[in-house]
Amino acid sequence: MAQSRGRQHQNNGSTYPRHPLGKRSLAFTLNLKRRHLNREQRRELIAESLKSDPQLSNREHARRTGAHQTTVGTVRKEMVEDGQVSQMRHLNRK
């Protein structure tokens, strides 16, 4: 009888690695690693990340998207000015 991969790992004592910030951050990170993005595509990815979790810090979005934190800050500032994301006084630092 074939066992699922998860059960095999449980039986062997090993577990799947978990991303510290959850499934969405893991999905962004894994998808980014398999893509070759130009500058505009990377900025679109940053914007998507900011829209999905605006409460996270620029540094976390940078980690998630593989961009520099100042680039994330610039994209966030543009989005706040355009009204796409609300300005947050305190960002969650994870």
PDB file of N, CA and C in Angstrom:
ATOM      1  N   MET A   1       0.830  -1.166   0.000  1.00  0.00           N
ATOM      2  CA  MET A   1       0.000   0.000   0.000  1.00  0.00           C
ATOM      3  C   MET A   1       0.886   1.245   0.000  1.00  0.00           C
ATOM      4  N   ALA A   2       0.647   2.130  -0.936  1.00  0.00           N
ATOM      5  CA  ALA A   2       1.480   3.326  -1.047  1.00  0.00           C
ATOM      6  C   ALA A   2       1.073   4.352  -0.001  1.00  0.00           C
ATOM      7  N   GLN A   3       2.069   4.938   0.628  1.00  0.00           N
ATOM      8  CA  GLN A   3       1.809   5.976   1.618  1.00  0.00           C
ATOM      9  C   GLN A   3       2.061   7.335   0.992  1.00  0.00           C
ATOM     10  N   SER A   4       1.349   8.330   1.502  1.00  0.00           N
ATOM     11  CA  SER A   4       1.591   9.676   0.999  1.00  0.00           C
ATOM     12  C   SER A   4       2.966  10.150   1.468  1.00  0.00           C
ATOM     13  N   ARG A   5       3.475  11.106   0.775  1.00  0.00           N
ATOM     14  CA  ARG A   5       4.791  11.642   1.115  1.00  0.00           C
ATOM     15  C   ARG A   5       4.824  12.175   2.540  1.00  0.00           C
ATOM     16  N   GLY A   6       3.749  12.842   2.949  1.00  0.00           N
ATOM     17  CA  GLY A   6       3.696  13.378   4.311  1.00  0.00           C
ATOM     18  C   GLY A   6       3.787  12.285   5.354  1.00  0.00           C
ATOM     19  N   ARG A   7       3.089  11.198   5.126  1.00  0.00           N
ATOM     20  CA  ARG A   7       3.140  10.094   6.081  1.00  0.00           C
ATOM     21  C   ARG A   7       4.530   9.461   6.108  1.00  0.00           C
ATOM     22  N   GLN A   8       5.142   9.335   4.959  1.00  0.00           N
ATOM     23  CA  GLN A   8       6.488   8.766   4.923  1.00  0.00           C
ATOM     24  C   GLN A   8       7.438   9.626   5.739  1.00  0.00           C
ATOM     25  N   HIS A   9       7.309  10.934   5.605  1.00  0.00           N
ATOM     26  CA  HIS A   9       8.184  11.824   6.369  1.00  0.00           C
ATOM     27  C   HIS A   9       7.885  11.742   7.856  1.00  0.00           C
ATOM     28  N   GLN A  10       6.618  11.612   8.204  1.00  0.00           N
ATOM     29  CA  GLN A  10       6.273  11.487   9.616  1.00  0.00           C
ATOM     30  C   GLN A  10       6.848  10.197  10.180  1.00  0.00           C
ATOM     31  N   ASN A  11       6.785   9.130   9.398  1.00  0.00           N
ATOM     32  CA  ASN A  11       7.307   7.855   9.866  1.00  0.00           C
ATOM     33  C   ASN A  11       8.827   7.876  10.003  1.00  0.00           C
ATOM     34  N   ASN A  12       9.483   8.646   9.156  1.00  0.00           N
ATOM     35  CA  ASN A  12      10.937   8.737   9.201  1.00  0.00           C
ATOM     36  C   ASN A  12      11.417   9.735  10.254  1.00  0.00           C
ATOM     37  N   GLY A  13      10.509  10.463  10.836  1.00  0.00           N
ATOM     38  CA  GLY A  13      10.892  11.432  11.860  1.00  0.00           C
ATOM     39  C   GLY A  13      11.242  12.802  11.314  1.00  0.00           C
ATOM     40  N   SER A  14      11.253  12.963   9.990  1.00  0.00           N
ATOM     41  CA  SER A  14      11.551  14.274   9.431  1.00  0.00           C
ATOM     42  C   SER A  14      10.248  14.987   9.103  1.00  0.00           C
ATOM     43  N   THR A  15      10.310  16.299   8.996  1.00  0.00           N
ATOM     44  CA  THR A  15       9.119  17.083   8.682  1.00  0.00           C
ATOM     45  C   THR A  15       9.445  18.016   7.529  1.00  0.00           C
ATOM     46  N   TYR A  16       8.402  18.491   6.871  1.00  0.00           N
ATOM     47  CA  TYR A  16       8.592  19.474   5.811  1.00  0.00           C
ATOM     48  C   TYR A  16       9.029  20.789   6.426  1.00  0.00           C
ATOM     49  N   PRO A  17       9.927  21.512   5.774  1.00  0.00           N
ATOM     50  CA  PRO A  17      10.317  22.818   6.317  1.00  0.00           C
ATOM     51  C   PRO A  17       9.155  23.790   6.228  1.00  0.00           C
ATOM     52  N   ARG A  18       8.960  24.565   7.240  1.00  0.00           N
ATOM     53  CA  ARG A  18       7.885  25.556   7.266  1.00  0.00           C
ATOM     54  C   ARG A  18       8.494  26.945   7.150  1.00  0.00           C
ATOM     55  N   HIS A  19       7.861  27.771   6.335  1.00  0.00           N
ATOM     56  CA  HIS A  19       8.313  29.144   6.188  1.00  0.00           C
ATOM     57  C   HIS A  19       7.835  29.911   7.419  1.00  0.00           C
ATOM     58  N   PRO A  20       8.688  30.730   8.022  1.00  0.00           N
ATOM     59  CA  PRO A  20       8.327  31.392   9.275  1.00  0.00           C
ATOM     60  C   PRO A  20       7.115  32.314   9.174  1.00  0.00           C
ATOM     61  N   LEU A  21       6.806  32.830   7.979  1.00  0.00           N
ATOM     62  CA  LEU A  21       5.684  33.757   7.860  1.00  0.00           C
ATOM     63  C   LEU A  21       4.483  33.156   7.155  1.00  0.00           C
ATOM     64  N   GLY A  22       4.515  31.890   6.853  1.00  0.00           N
ATOM     65  CA  GLY A  22       3.331  31.246   6.319  1.00  0.00           C
ATOM     66  C   GLY A  22       3.386  30.909   4.846  1.00  0.00           C
ATOM     67  N   LYS A  23       2.259  30.397   4.387  1.00  0.00           N
ATOM     68  CA  LYS A  23       2.156  29.875   3.033  1.00  0.00           C
ATOM     69  C   LYS A  23       2.340  30.945   1.963  1.00  0.00           C
ATOM     70  N   ARG A  24       1.788  32.141   2.191  1.00  0.00           N
ATOM     71  CA  ARG A  24       1.861  33.179   1.162  1.00  0.00           C
ATOM     72  C   ARG A  24       3.305  33.616   0.921  1.00  0.00           C
ATOM     73  N   SER A  25       4.071  33.797   1.996  1.00  0.00           N
ATOM     74  CA  SER A  25       5.480  34.177   1.841  1.00  0.00           C
ATOM     75  C   SER A  25       6.264  33.067   1.162  1.00  0.00           C
ATOM     76  N   LEU A  26       5.977  31.828   1.522  1.00  0.00           N
ATOM     77  CA  LEU A  26       6.654  30.702   0.889  1.00  0.00           C
ATOM     78  C   LEU A  26       6.339  30.659  -0.601  1.00  0.00           C
ATOM     79  N   ALA A  27       5.078  30.885  -0.967  1.00  0.00           N
ATOM     80  CA  ALA A  27       4.693  30.868  -2.381  1.00  0.00           C
ATOM     81  C   ALA A  27       5.407  31.975  -3.154  1.00  0.00           C
ATOM     82  N   PHE A  28       5.464  33.186  -2.588  1.00  0.00           N
ATOM     83  CA  PHE A  28       6.178  34.286  -3.253  1.00  0.00           C
ATOM     84  C   PHE A  28       7.642  33.908  -3.455  1.00  0.00           C
ATOM     85  N   THR A  29       8.268  33.393  -2.423  1.00  0.00           N
ATOM     86  CA  THR A  29       9.696  33.067  -2.482  1.00  0.00           C
ATOM     87  C   THR A  29       9.980  31.979  -3.499  1.00  0.00           C
ATOM     88  N   LEU A  30       9.209  30.896  -3.473  1.00  0.00           N
ATOM     89  CA  LEU A  30       9.444  29.789  -4.396  1.00  0.00           C
ATOM     90  C   LEU A  30       9.170  30.188  -5.844  1.00  0.00           C
ATOM     91  N   ASN A  31       8.098  30.945  -6.071  1.00  0.00           N
ATOM     92  CA  ASN A  31       7.789  31.380  -7.428  1.00  0.00           C
ATOM     93  C   ASN A  31       8.845  32.337  -7.954  1.00  0.00           C
ATOM     94  N   LEU A  32       9.374  33.167  -7.092  1.00  0.00           N
ATOM     95  CA  LEU A  32      10.401  34.113  -7.510  1.00  0.00           C
ATOM     96  C   LEU A  32      11.662  33.382  -7.952  1.00  0.00           C
ATOM     97  N   LYS A  33      12.029  32.331  -7.243  1.00  0.00           N
ATOM     98  CA  LYS A  33      13.269  31.617  -7.546  1.00  0.00           C
ATOM     99  C   LYS A  33      13.229  30.912  -8.891  1.00  0.00           C
ATOM    100  N   ARG A  34      12.039  30.593  -9.395  1.00  0.00           N
ATOM    101  CA  ARG A  34      11.973  29.900 -10.674  1.00  0.00           C
ATOM    102  C   ARG A  34      11.721  30.837 -11.844  1.00  0.00           C
ATOM    103  N   ARG A  35      11.577  32.125 -11.569  1.00  0.00           N
ATOM    104  CA  ARG A  35      11.327  33.107 -12.624  1.00  0.00           C
ATOM    105  C   ARG A  35      12.571  33.934 -12.917  1.00  0.00           C
ATOM    106  N   HIS A  36      12.592  34.471 -14.121  1.00  0.00           N
ATOM    107  CA  HIS A  36      13.604  35.454 -14.503  1.00  0.00           C
ATOM    108  C   HIS A  36      12.836  36.732 -14.818  1.00  0.00           C
ATOM    109  N   LEU A  37      12.819  37.661 -13.881  1.00  0.00           N
ATOM    110  CA  LEU A  37      11.997  38.850 -13.999  1.00  0.00           C
ATOM    111  C   LEU A  37      12.821  40.072 -14.386  1.00  0.00           C
ATOM    112  N   ASN A  38      12.225  40.906 -15.240  1.00  0.00           N
ATOM    113  CA  ASN A  38      12.872  42.183 -15.538  1.00  0.00           C
ATOM    114  C   ASN A  38      12.457  43.188 -14.461  1.00  0.00           C
ATOM    115  N   ARG A  39      12.941  44.385 -14.572  1.00  0.00           N
ATOM    116  CA  ARG A  39      12.731  45.393 -13.531  1.00  0.00           C
ATOM    117  C   ARG A  39      11.249  45.680 -13.303  1.00  0.00           C
ATOM    118  N   GLU A  40      10.499  45.872 -14.383  1.00  0.00           N
ATOM    119  CA  GLU A  40       9.079  46.195 -14.255  1.00  0.00           C
ATOM    120  C   GLU A  40       8.289  45.023 -13.659  1.00  0.00           C
ATOM    121  N   GLN A  41       8.617  43.810 -14.056  1.00  0.00           N
ATOM    122  CA  GLN A  41       7.936  42.633 -13.506  1.00  0.00           C
ATOM    123  C   GLN A  41       8.212  42.485 -12.009  1.00  0.00           C
ATOM    124  N   ARG A  42       9.445  42.789 -11.605  1.00  0.00           N
ATOM    125  CA  ARG A  42       9.777  42.700 -10.184  1.00  0.00           C
ATOM    126  C   ARG A  42       8.995  43.748  -9.382  1.00  0.00           C
ATOM    127  N   ARG A  43       8.853  44.953  -9.940  1.00  0.00           N
ATOM    128  CA  ARG A  43       8.079  45.995  -9.258  1.00  0.00           C
ATOM    129  C   ARG A  43       6.601  45.596  -9.159  1.00  0.00           C
ATOM    130  N   GLU A  44       6.087  44.912 -10.187  1.00  0.00           N
ATOM    131  CA  GLU A  44       4.705  44.420 -10.146  1.00  0.00           C
ATOM    132  C   GLU A  44       4.554  43.353  -9.063  1.00  0.00           C
ATOM    133  N   LEU A  45       5.555  42.516  -8.927  1.00  0.00           N
ATOM    134  CA  LEU A  45       5.537  41.486  -7.884  1.00  0.00           C
ATOM    135  C   LEU A  45       5.568  42.129  -6.499  1.00  0.00           C
ATOM    136  N   ILE A  46       6.379  43.166  -6.334  1.00  0.00           N
ATOM    137  CA  ILE A  46       6.426  43.897  -5.063  1.00  0.00           C
ATOM    138  C   ILE A  46       5.052  44.500  -4.767  1.00  0.00           C
ATOM    139  N   ALA A  47       4.426  45.097  -5.783  1.00  0.00           N
ATOM    140  CA  ALA A  47       3.106  45.695  -5.598  1.00  0.00           C
ATOM    141  C   ALA A  47       2.081  44.639  -5.200  1.00  0.00           C
ATOM    142  N   GLU A  48       2.141  43.479  -5.817  1.00  0.00           N
ATOM    143  CA  GLU A  48       1.231  42.385  -5.467  1.00  0.00           C
ATOM    144  C   GLU A  48       1.438  41.949  -4.014  1.00  0.00           C
ATOM    145  N   SER A  49       2.699  41.861  -3.616  1.00  0.00           N
ATOM    146  CA  SER A  49       3.009  41.485  -2.237  1.00  0.00           C
ATOM    147  C   SER A  49       2.492  42.536  -1.259  1.00  0.00           C
ATOM    148  N   LEU A  50       2.677  43.810  -1.596  1.00  0.00           N
ATOM    149  CA  LEU A  50       2.203  44.896  -0.730  1.00  0.00           C
ATOM    150  C   LEU A  50       0.682  44.901  -0.623  1.00  0.00           C
ATOM    151  N   LYS A  51      -0.013  44.626  -1.721  1.00  0.00           N
ATOM    152  CA  LYS A  51      -1.473  44.601  -1.698  1.00  0.00           C
ATOM    153  C   LYS A  51      -1.991  43.443  -0.850  1.00  0.00           C
ATOM    154  N   SER A  52      -1.310  42.312  -0.924  1.00  0.00           N
ATOM    155  CA  SER A  52      -1.796  41.141  -0.200  1.00  0.00           C
ATOM    156  C   SER A  52      -1.544  41.235   1.306  1.00  0.00           C
ATOM    157  N   ASP A  53      -0.430  41.851   1.703  1.00  0.00           N
ATOM    158  CA  ASP A  53      -0.093  41.972   3.132  1.00  0.00           C
ATOM    159  C   ASP A  53       0.507  43.348   3.417  1.00  0.00           C
ATOM    160  N   PRO A  54      -0.292  44.408   3.386  1.00  0.00           N
ATOM    161  CA  PRO A  54       0.264  45.753   3.573  1.00  0.00           C
ATOM    162  C   PRO A  54       0.820  46.004   4.967  1.00  0.00           C
ATOM    163  N   GLN A  55       0.425  45.197   5.944  1.00  0.00           N
ATOM    164  CA  GLN A  55       0.873  45.422   7.319  1.00  0.00           C
ATOM    165  C   GLN A  55       2.314  44.968   7.546  1.00  0.00           C
ATOM    166  N   LEU A  56       2.877  44.168   6.638  1.00  0.00           N
ATOM    167  CA  LEU A  56       4.252  43.708   6.806  1.00  0.00           C
ATOM    168  C   LEU A  56       5.243  44.828   6.499  1.00  0.00           C
ATOM    169  N   SER A  57       6.413  44.736   7.069  1.00  0.00           N
ATOM    170  CA  SER A  57       7.439  45.760   6.877  1.00  0.00           C
ATOM    171  C   SER A  57       8.034  45.693   5.477  1.00  0.00           C
ATOM    172  N   ASN A  58       8.668  46.784   5.068  1.00  0.00           N
ATOM    173  CA  ASN A  58       9.357  46.816   3.772  1.00  0.00           C
ATOM    174  C   ASN A  58      10.439  45.747   3.723  1.00  0.00           C
ATOM    175  N   ARG A  59      11.100  45.547   4.832  1.00  0.00           N
ATOM    176  CA  ARG A  59      12.166  44.556   4.886  1.00  0.00           C
ATOM    177  C   ARG A  59      11.627  43.146   4.626  1.00  0.00           C
ATOM    178  N   GLU A  60      10.455  42.828   5.170  1.00  0.00           N
ATOM    179  CA  GLU A  60       9.865  41.504   4.945  1.00  0.00           C
ATOM    180  C   GLU A  60       9.414  41.346   3.492  1.00  0.00           C
ATOM    181  N   HIS A  61       8.837  42.403   2.927  1.00  0.00           N
ATOM    182  CA  HIS A  61       8.455  42.341   1.511  1.00  0.00           C
ATOM    183  C   HIS A  61       9.698  42.188   0.632  1.00  0.00           C
ATOM    184  N   ALA A  62      10.780  42.831   1.011  1.00  0.00           N
ATOM    185  CA  ALA A  62      12.039  42.687   0.265  1.00  0.00           C
ATOM    186  C   ALA A  62      12.538  41.254   0.338  1.00  0.00           C
ATOM    187  N   ARG A  63      12.483  40.662   1.499  1.00  0.00           N
ATOM    188  CA  ARG A  63      12.903  39.266   1.678  1.00  0.00           C
ATOM    189  C   ARG A  63      12.020  38.346   0.843  1.00  0.00           C
ATOM    190  N   ARG A  64      10.748  38.632   0.836  1.00  0.00           N
ATOM    191  CA  ARG A  64       9.761  37.827   0.133  1.00  0.00           C
ATOM    192  C   ARG A  64       9.939  37.880  -1.384  1.00  0.00           C
ATOM    193  N   THR A  65      10.285  39.063  -1.905  1.00  0.00           N
ATOM    194  CA  THR A  65      10.345  39.259  -3.355  1.00  0.00           C
ATOM    195  C   THR A  65      11.758  39.270  -3.921  1.00  0.00           C
ATOM    196  N   GLY A  66      12.756  39.261  -3.068  1.00  0.00           N
ATOM    197  CA  GLY A  66      14.135  39.277  -3.540  1.00  0.00           C
ATOM    198  C   GLY A  66      14.600  40.648  -3.991  1.00  0.00           C
ATOM    199  N   ALA A  67      13.894  41.683  -3.564  1.00  0.00           N
ATOM    200  CA  ALA A  67      14.250  43.058  -3.925  1.00  0.00           C
ATOM    201  C   ALA A  67      14.957  43.721  -2.745  1.00  0.00           C
ATOM    202  N   HIS A  68      15.469  44.913  -2.963  1.00  0.00           N
ATOM    203  CA  HIS A  68      16.090  45.678  -1.884  1.00  0.00           C
ATOM    204  C   HIS A  68      14.994  46.420  -1.125  1.00  0.00           C
ATOM    205  N   GLN A  69      15.180  46.622   0.158  1.00  0.00           N
ATOM    206  CA  GLN A  69      14.137  47.246   0.976  1.00  0.00           C
ATOM    207  C   GLN A  69      13.833  48.680   0.545  1.00  0.00           C
ATOM    208  N   THR A  70      14.809  49.394  -0.004  1.00  0.00           N
ATOM    209  CA  THR A  70      14.523  50.756  -0.470  1.00  0.00           C
ATOM    210  C   THR A  70      13.656  50.722  -1.727  1.00  0.00           C
ATOM    211  N   THR A  71      13.809  49.704  -2.551  1.00  0.00           N
ATOM    212  CA  THR A  71      12.948  49.547  -3.725  1.00  0.00           C
ATOM    213  C   THR A  71      11.510  49.288  -3.276  1.00  0.00           C
ATOM    214  N   VAL A  72      11.361  48.438  -2.278  1.00  0.00           N
ATOM    215  CA  VAL A  72      10.028  48.167  -1.726  1.00  0.00           C
ATOM    216  C   VAL A  72       9.441  49.454  -1.151  1.00  0.00           C
ATOM    217  N   GLY A  73      10.257  50.229  -0.460  1.00  0.00           N
ATOM    218  CA  GLY A  73       9.794  51.500   0.107  1.00  0.00           C
ATOM    219  C   GLY A  73       9.336  52.467  -0.967  1.00  0.00           C
ATOM    220  N   THR A  74      10.046  52.505  -2.082  1.00  0.00           N
ATOM    221  CA  THR A  74       9.681  53.376  -3.194  1.00  0.00           C
ATOM    222  C   THR A  74       8.353  52.935  -3.804  1.00  0.00           C
ATOM    223  N   VAL A  75       8.203  51.637  -4.020  1.00  0.00           N
ATOM    224  CA  VAL A  75       6.954  51.112  -4.580  1.00  0.00           C
ATOM    225  C   VAL A  75       5.804  51.370  -3.603  1.00  0.00           C
ATOM    226  N   ARG A  76       6.036  51.164  -2.306  1.00  0.00           N
ATOM    227  CA  ARG A  76       4.987  51.416  -1.299  1.00  0.00           C
ATOM    228  C   ARG A  76       4.587  52.890  -1.328  1.00  0.00           C
ATOM    229  N   LYS A  77       5.569  53.784  -1.391  1.00  0.00           N
ATOM    230  CA  LYS A  77       5.286  55.219  -1.403  1.00  0.00           C
ATOM    231  C   LYS A  77       4.433  55.590  -2.619  1.00  0.00           C
ATOM    232  N   GLU A  78       4.769  55.041  -3.794  1.00  0.00           N
ATOM    233  CA  GLU A  78       3.987  55.295  -5.007  1.00  0.00           C
ATOM    234  C   GLU A  78       2.559  54.776  -4.849  1.00  0.00           C
ATOM    235  N   MET A  79       2.414  53.603  -4.233  1.00  0.00           N
ATOM    236  CA  MET A  79       1.086  53.015  -4.061  1.00  0.00           C
ATOM    237  C   MET A  79       0.254  53.800  -3.049  1.00  0.00           C
ATOM    238  N   VAL A  80       0.888  54.322  -2.005  1.00  0.00           N
ATOM    239  CA  VAL A  80       0.184  55.137  -1.020  1.00  0.00           C
ATOM    240  C   VAL A  80      -0.298  56.425  -1.682  1.00  0.00           C
ATOM    241  N   GLU A  81       0.558  57.049  -2.500  1.00  0.00           N
ATOM    242  CA  GLU A  81       0.194  58.282  -3.196  1.00  0.00           C
ATOM    243  C   GLU A  81      -0.953  58.059  -4.170  1.00  0.00           C
ATOM    244  N   ASP A  82      -0.990  56.878  -4.809  1.00  0.00           N
ATOM    245  CA  ASP A  82      -2.059  56.551  -5.757  1.00  0.00           C
ATOM    246  C   ASP A  82      -3.313  56.030  -5.061  1.00  0.00           C
ATOM    247  N   GLY A  83      -3.240  55.795  -3.758  1.00  0.00           N
ATOM    248  CA  GLY A  83      -4.380  55.305  -3.004  1.00  0.00           C
ATOM    249  C   GLY A  83      -4.611  53.807  -3.126  1.00  0.00           C
ATOM    250  N   GLN A  84      -3.637  53.068  -3.638  1.00  0.00           N
ATOM    251  CA  GLN A  84      -3.775  51.620  -3.798  1.00  0.00           C
ATOM    252  C   GLN A  84      -3.569  50.884  -2.479  1.00  0.00           C
ATOM    253  N   VAL A  85      -2.761  51.468  -1.589  1.00  0.00           N
ATOM    254  CA  VAL A  85      -2.485  50.893  -0.275  1.00  0.00           C
ATOM    255  C   VAL A  85      -2.585  52.025   0.729  1.00  0.00           C
ATOM    256  N   SER A  86      -3.212  51.758   1.866  1.00  0.00           N
ATOM    257  CA  SER A  86      -3.308  52.804   2.884  1.00  0.00           C
ATOM    258  C   SER A  86      -1.988  52.929   3.636  1.00  0.00           C
ATOM    259  N   GLN A  87      -1.690  54.137   4.059  1.00  0.00           N
ATOM    260  CA  GLN A  87      -0.457  54.366   4.801  1.00  0.00           C
ATOM    261  C   GLN A  87      -0.637  53.825   6.209  1.00  0.00           C
ATOM    262  N   MET A  88       0.350  53.090   6.669  1.00  0.00           N
ATOM    263  CA  MET A  88       0.271  52.490   7.992  1.00  0.00           C
ATOM    264  C   MET A  88       1.320  53.148   8.883  1.00  0.00           C
ATOM    265  N   ARG A  89       0.913  53.488  10.091  1.00  0.00           N
ATOM    266  CA  ARG A  89       1.853  54.133  11.009  1.00  0.00           C
ATOM    267  C   ARG A  89       2.859  53.137  11.575  1.00  0.00           C
ATOM    268  N   HIS A  90       2.381  51.972  11.954  1.00  0.00           N
ATOM    269  CA  HIS A  90       3.245  50.961  12.530  1.00  0.00           C
ATOM    270  C   HIS A  90       3.130  49.693  11.704  1.00  0.00           C
ATOM    271  N   LEU A  91       4.245  49.229  11.222  1.00  0.00           N
ATOM    272  CA  LEU A  91       4.263  48.012  10.429  1.00  0.00           C
ATOM    273  C   LEU A  91       4.652  46.846  11.323  1.00  0.00           C
ATOM    274  N   ASN A  92       4.095  45.684  11.041  1.00  0.00           N
ATOM    275  CA  ASN A  92       4.474  44.488  11.783  1.00  0.00           C
ATOM    276  C   ASN A  92       5.870  44.066  11.384  1.00  0.00           C
ATOM    277  N   ARG A  93       6.716  43.908  12.333  1.00  0.00           N
ATOM    278  CA  ARG A  93       8.076  43.482  12.072  1.00  0.00           C
ATOM    279  C   ARG A  93       8.192  42.028  12.492  1.00  0.00           C
ATOM    280  N   LYS A  94       8.326  41.158  11.498  1.00  0.00           N
ATOM    281  CA  LYS A  94       8.377  39.728  11.800  1.00  0.00           C
ATOM    282  C   LYS A  94       9.742  39.190  11.487  1.00  0.00           C
TER     283      LYS A  94
END
